[in-house]
Protein backbone atom coordinates (compact mmCIF):
# COMPACT_ATOMS: atom_id res chain seq x y z
CA UNK A 1 0.00 0.00 0.00
CA UNK A 2 1.21 3.49 -0.80
CA UNK A 3 -0.42 6.76 0.25
CA UNK A 4 1.24 8.96 -2.36
CA UNK A 5 2.52 12.26 -1.01
CA UNK A 6 2.19 12.52 2.76
CA UNK A 7 2.73 15.84 4.55
CA UNK A 8 3.53 15.87 8.26
CA UNK A 9 3.14 19.25 9.86
CA UNK A 10 5.11 19.26 13.10
CA UNK A 11 7.88 16.62 13.49
CA UNK A 12 7.86 16.18 17.28
CA UNK A 13 7.52 12.82 19.02
CA UNK A 14 4.30 11.81 17.22
CA UNK A 15 5.01 13.51 13.89
CA UNK A 16 8.59 12.28 13.89
CA UNK A 17 7.55 8.72 14.74
CA UNK A 18 4.97 8.86 11.96
CA UNK A 19 7.63 9.97 9.47
CA UNK A 20 9.95 7.15 10.57
CA UNK A 21 7.16 4.57 10.37
CA UNK A 22 6.08 5.65 6.89
CA UNK A 23 9.66 5.70 5.63
CA UNK A 24 10.56 2.33 7.15
CA UNK A 25 7.50 0.64 5.64
CA UNK A 26 7.72 2.42 2.27
CA UNK A 27 4.19 3.76 2.58
CA UNK A 28 4.78 7.19 1.07
CA UNK A 29 5.90 7.87 -2.46
CA UNK A 30 6.96 11.31 -1.27
CA UNK A 31 7.26 12.52 2.32
CA UNK A 32 6.99 16.22 3.11
CA UNK A 33 7.81 17.54 6.58
CA UNK A 34 7.06 21.05 7.79
CA UNK A 35 8.54 22.56 10.92
CA UNK A 36 8.50 26.18 11.98
CA UNK A 37 11.89 25.85 13.66
CA UNK A 38 15.01 25.46 11.48
CA UNK A 39 16.57 23.56 14.39
CA UNK A 40 13.83 20.93 14.17
CA UNK A 41 14.46 20.50 10.46
CA UNK A 42 18.19 20.18 11.12
CA UNK A 43 17.53 17.32 13.55
CA UNK A 44 15.56 15.43 10.88
CA UNK A 45 18.20 16.14 8.28
CA UNK A 46 20.92 14.83 10.61
CA UNK A 47 18.90 11.66 11.26
CA UNK A 48 18.89 10.96 7.52
CA UNK A 49 15.13 10.67 7.08
CA UNK A 50 14.25 10.43 3.39
CA UNK A 51 11.93 13.43 3.24
CA UNK A 52 11.63 16.90 1.77
CA UNK A 53 11.88 19.50 4.51
CA UNK A 54 10.37 22.97 4.49
CA UNK A 55 9.54 25.87 6.74
CA UNK A 56 6.57 26.78 4.52
CA UNK A 57 3.40 24.81 5.43
CA UNK A 58 1.61 25.61 2.17
CA UNK A 59 4.54 24.24 0.22
CA UNK A 60 4.42 21.07 2.31
CA UNK A 61 0.76 20.34 1.55
CA UNK A 62 0.47 21.60 -2.03
CA UNK A 63 0.56 18.17 -3.67
CA UNK A 64 -0.24 16.09 -0.60
CA UNK A 65 -2.65 13.19 -0.64
CA UNK A 66 -2.53 12.90 3.15
CA UNK A 67 -1.89 15.75 5.60
CA UNK A 68 -1.32 15.04 9.30
CA UNK A 69 -1.45 17.93 11.76
CA UNK A 70 1.03 17.20 14.54
CA UNK A 71 1.20 20.67 16.07
CA UNK A 72 -0.25 21.79 19.45
CA UNK A 73 -4.05 21.97 19.57
CA UNK A 74 -4.13 25.74 19.96
CA UNK A 75 -2.02 26.14 16.80
CA UNK A 76 -4.13 23.91 14.54
CA UNK A 77 -6.82 26.36 13.44
CA UNK A 78 -4.30 29.03 12.48
CA UNK A 79 -2.21 26.51 10.56
CA UNK A 80 -5.23 25.11 8.69
CA UNK A 81 -6.35 28.62 7.81
CA UNK A 82 -2.88 29.17 6.35
CA UNK A 83 -2.76 25.97 4.27
CA UNK A 84 -6.34 25.43 3.15
CA UNK A 85 -6.03 27.26 -0.17
CA UNK A 86 -3.07 25.02 -1.07
CA UNK A 87 -4.87 21.74 -0.35
CA UNK A 88 -6.14 19.40 -3.03
CA UNK A 89 -9.90 18.75 -2.67
CA UNK A 90 -9.13 15.03 -2.51
CA UNK A 91 -6.53 15.37 0.25
CA UNK A 92 -7.20 13.56 3.52
CA UNK A 93 -6.53 15.88 6.45
CA UNK A 94 -6.31 14.49 9.97
CA UNK A 95 -4.56 15.29 13.24
CA UNK A 96 -3.04 13.63 16.32
CA UNK A 97 -4.44 15.91 19.03
CA UNK A 98 -5.55 14.36 22.32
CA UNK A 99 -8.75 16.44 22.43
CA UNK A 100 -11.28 16.01 19.67
CA UNK A 101 -14.43 18.03 20.41
CA UNK A 102 -12.84 21.47 20.19
CA UNK A 103 -10.52 20.43 17.35
CA UNK A 104 -13.42 19.24 15.20
CA UNK A 105 -15.45 22.37 15.96
CA UNK A 106 -12.51 24.57 14.94
CA UNK A 107 -11.26 22.69 11.88
CA UNK A 108 -14.32 21.17 10.20
CA UNK A 109 -15.73 24.56 9.05
CA UNK A 110 -12.32 25.63 7.74
CA UNK A 111 -11.96 22.46 5.65
CA UNK A 112 -15.53 22.19 4.39
CA UNK A 113 -15.35 21.75 0.59
CA UNK A 114 -11.55 22.16 0.81
CA UNK A 115 -10.43 18.63 1.73
CA UNK A 116 -11.54 15.38 3.41
CA UNK A 117 -11.37 15.97 7.18
CA UNK A 118 -11.50 13.51 10.08
CA UNK A 119 -10.03 13.73 13.57
CA UNK A 120 -7.55 11.12 14.83
CA UNK A 121 -5.78 10.41 18.10
CA UNK A 122 -3.09 7.70 18.34
CA UNK A 123 -2.94 6.48 21.94
CA UNK A 124 0.83 6.28 21.86
CA UNK A 125 3.45 8.57 23.22
CA UNK A 126 5.97 9.18 25.94
CA UNK A 127 6.83 11.63 28.66
CA UNK A 128 9.70 12.58 26.35
CA UNK A 129 9.22 15.12 23.59
CA UNK A 130 10.72 16.14 20.26
CA UNK A 131 12.06 14.30 17.26
CA UNK A 132 14.93 12.88 19.31
CA UNK A 133 12.41 10.64 21.12
CA UNK A 134 10.67 9.48 17.92
CA UNK A 135 10.48 5.75 17.12
CA UNK A 136 9.32 3.94 13.99
CA UNK A 137 7.49 1.33 16.09
CA UNK A 138 5.63 3.80 18.31
CA UNK A 139 2.20 2.98 16.87
CA UNK A 140 2.53 -0.82 16.72
CA UNK A 141 -0.24 -2.33 18.80
CA UNK A 142 -1.54 1.08 19.85
CA UNK A 143 -5.18 2.08 19.68
CA UNK A 144 -5.80 4.90 17.24
CA UNK A 145 -9.12 6.64 17.78
CA UNK A 146 -10.79 8.25 14.79
CA UNK A 147 -13.73 10.56 15.41
CA UNK A 148 -16.11 10.91 12.46
CA UNK A 149 -19.21 13.04 12.82
CA UNK A 150 -22.45 13.12 10.85
CA UNK A 151 -20.69 15.45 8.41
CA UNK A 152 -17.66 13.20 7.80
CA UNK A 153 -17.43 11.72 4.33
CA UNK A 154 -17.18 7.93 4.21
CA UNK A 155 -14.06 8.21 2.04
CA UNK A 156 -12.29 10.15 4.79
CA UNK A 157 -13.13 7.44 7.34
CA UNK A 158 -12.04 4.63 5.03
CA UNK A 159 -8.72 6.22 4.17
CA UNK A 160 -7.98 7.20 7.77
CA UNK A 161 -8.56 3.61 8.88
CA UNK A 162 -6.20 2.32 6.19
CA UNK A 163 -3.57 4.91 7.03
CA UNK A 164 -3.35 4.15 10.75
CA UNK A 165 -3.66 0.39 10.30
CA UNK A 166 -0.77 0.44 7.83
CA UNK A 167 1.65 1.61 10.55
CA UNK A 168 0.48 -0.93 13.11
CA UNK A 169 -2.37 0.85 14.85
CA UNK A 170 -5.67 -0.69 15.92
CA UNK A 171 -8.40 1.69 14.82
CA UNK A 172 -11.31 2.48 17.15
CA UNK A 173 -14.20 4.73 16.11
CA UNK A 174 -15.78 7.11 18.63
CA UNK A 175 -17.69 10.37 18.49
CA UNK A 176 -15.58 13.40 19.44
CA UNK A 177 -17.59 13.75 22.66
CA UNK A 178 -17.16 10.13 23.73
CA UNK A 179 -13.47 10.31 22.86
CA UNK A 180 -12.95 13.29 25.14
CA UNK A 181 -14.79 11.57 28.00
CA UNK A 182 -12.84 8.31 27.69
CA UNK A 183 -9.48 9.99 27.25
CA UNK A 184 -10.15 12.19 30.28
CA UNK A 185 -10.45 8.95 32.28
CA UNK A 186 -7.39 7.09 30.96
CA UNK A 187 -4.98 9.88 30.03
CA UNK A 188 -5.80 13.40 31.15
CA UNK A 189 -6.88 12.67 34.74
CA UNK A 190 -3.96 10.24 35.31
CA UNK A 191 -1.54 12.94 34.20
CA UNK A 192 -3.09 15.42 36.61
CA UNK A 193 -2.96 12.88 39.45
CA UNK A 194 0.67 12.00 38.69
CA UNK A 195 1.58 15.67 38.95
CA UNK A 196 -0.34 15.95 42.23
CA UNK A 197 1.43 12.89 43.67
CA UNK A 198 4.85 14.34 42.86
CA UNK A 199 3.94 17.74 44.27
CA UNK A 200 2.53 16.38 47.55
CA UNK A 201 5.62 14.30 48.39
CA UNK A 202 8.17 15.97 50.67
CA UNK A 203 11.71 16.32 49.34
CA UNK A 204 12.94 13.82 51.91
CA UNK A 205 10.33 11.29 50.79
CA UNK A 206 11.17 11.73 47.10
CA UNK A 207 14.75 10.71 47.83
CA UNK A 208 13.46 7.37 49.14
CA UNK A 209 11.14 6.67 46.20
CA UNK A 210 11.44 3.36 44.38
CA UNK A 211 9.95 1.70 41.32
CA UNK A 212 6.33 2.04 42.37
CA UNK A 213 6.46 5.80 42.73
CA UNK A 214 8.57 6.03 39.55
CA UNK A 215 6.05 4.10 37.46
CA UNK A 216 3.00 5.80 38.96
CA UNK A 217 4.36 9.29 38.30
CA UNK A 218 6.28 8.75 35.05
CA UNK A 219 3.97 10.90 32.95
CA UNK A 220 4.47 13.88 35.25
CA UNK A 221 7.75 14.40 33.37
CA UNK A 222 5.75 15.54 30.33
CA UNK A 223 5.79 19.08 28.98
CA UNK A 224 3.95 21.51 31.31
CA UNK A 225 3.10 23.75 28.34
CA UNK A 226 1.58 20.89 26.35
CA UNK A 227 -0.38 19.45 29.25
CA UNK A 228 -1.73 22.78 30.42
CA UNK A 229 -3.16 23.21 26.92
CA UNK A 230 -4.62 19.68 26.85
CA UNK A 231 -6.26 19.91 30.28
CA UNK A 232 -7.83 23.26 29.47
CA UNK A 233 -9.02 22.07 26.05
CA UNK A 234 -10.82 19.12 27.70
CA UNK A 235 -11.67 20.94 30.93
CA UNK A 236 -15.31 19.83 31.27
CA UNK A 237 -14.59 16.13 30.89
CA UNK A 238 -11.54 16.32 33.17
CA UNK A 239 -13.51 18.21 35.82
CA UNK A 240 -16.22 15.53 35.68
CA UNK A 241 -13.65 12.79 36.27
CA UNK A 242 -12.07 14.80 39.08
CA UNK A 243 -15.47 14.95 40.78
CA UNK A 244 -15.80 11.18 40.51
CA UNK A 245 -12.38 10.33 41.87
CA UNK A 246 -12.59 12.90 44.66
CA UNK A 247 -15.90 11.35 45.71
CA UNK A 248 -14.32 7.89 45.74
CA UNK A 249 -11.26 9.06 47.66
CA UNK A 250 -13.45 10.94 50.15
CA UNK A 251 -15.26 7.68 50.87
CA UNK A 252 -11.93 5.95 51.48
CA UNK A 253 -10.81 8.83 53.69
CA UNK A 254 -13.95 8.47 55.78
CA UNK A 255 -13.42 4.78 56.48
CA UNK A 256 -9.73 5.31 57.26
CA UNK A 257 -10.65 7.95 59.82
CA UNK A 258 -13.52 5.93 61.27
CA UNK A 259 -13.52 3.66 64.29
CA UNK A 260 -14.86 0.57 62.51
CA UNK A 261 -11.62 -1.07 61.42
CA UNK A 262 -13.35 -4.22 60.19
CA UNK A 263 -15.51 -2.16 57.81
CA UNK A 264 -12.46 -0.20 56.65
CA UNK A 265 -10.58 -3.42 55.94
CA UNK A 266 -13.48 -4.84 53.93
CA UNK A 267 -13.98 -1.67 51.85
CA UNK A 268 -10.27 -1.26 51.13
CA UNK A 269 -9.87 -4.93 50.22
CA UNK A 270 -12.79 -4.88 47.78
CA UNK A 271 -11.55 -1.68 46.12
CA UNK A 272 -8.02 -3.05 45.71
CA UNK A 273 -9.27 -6.46 44.56
CA UNK A 274 -11.50 -4.87 41.91
CA UNK A 275 -8.58 -2.74 40.69
CA UNK A 276 -6.24 -5.73 40.60
CA UNK A 277 -8.73 -7.72 38.54
CA UNK A 278 -9.33 -4.88 36.08
CA UNK A 279 -5.60 -4.21 35.73
CA UNK A 280 -4.93 -7.90 35.07
CA UNK A 281 -7.53 -7.95 32.31
CA UNK A 282 -5.86 -4.91 30.72
CA UNK A 283 -2.49 -6.65 30.86
CA UNK A 284 -3.93 -9.68 29.09
CA UNK A 285 -5.76 -7.79 26.35
CA UNK A 286 -3.73 -4.66 25.69
CA UNK A 287 -0.49 -5.19 23.68
CA UNK A 288 1.04 -1.98 25.06
CA UNK A 289 0.71 -3.27 28.62
CA UNK A 290 2.48 -6.48 27.64
CA UNK A 291 5.47 -4.48 26.33
CA UNK A 292 6.35 -3.09 29.73
């Protein structure tokens, strides 16, 4: 399978890994990479990626059959506004942003009758950032969520499925709203909690931390700028999940403070047993859990 000319706008961890995956598998006849920073382009050039590099986004997409937006969410609308006159009407345009509701609301009107638009979100990444952390196998076994709406053309959905499957992803279809709710539960809230765990630990305690604390808080090493943007972009869904977990933790706090130790033991045991069972099922069914 070959996707013709593929343009990647933003060669960070995800965009860079996408470029490496496409190049390694020979899936693009021509690979165009746009980066605003000359330093970012120099890093790709030094790595020897077989691609045409440019600091002009319109030049990158002019003949593209597939365009992937790999820039921060808040930069997407401005970038699409800049490139839309250069797009072919048959071009598939998608993104890798971790929030879909606001992205679709911003981009769909800009691309109406200009290109085939559908939102995407590969559930793959790292606390590391930039092209230096990119890997060709990043998407292998990862879920990739695509978010068609009632306005999405069937051709856009079909081609997006083929594109992500070709680099090893398992495609899941959700509405933008359901995506944002689910991802708030499994990605955005965990990041917020990891940051809170690190911040609440005294310096003396941090010096004693072992593998458990390391693994639980790994994602707190992610970019504060990026994650501030993500949490604000999905604020309603994240706030809803915060309410739920605070309610659950308040219940645990109550039994820990109470006098009925037998009841506390039973409640804690059932909560931990349920979590152990659910986590074991995830380990059995999710390829990314098996990698670790």
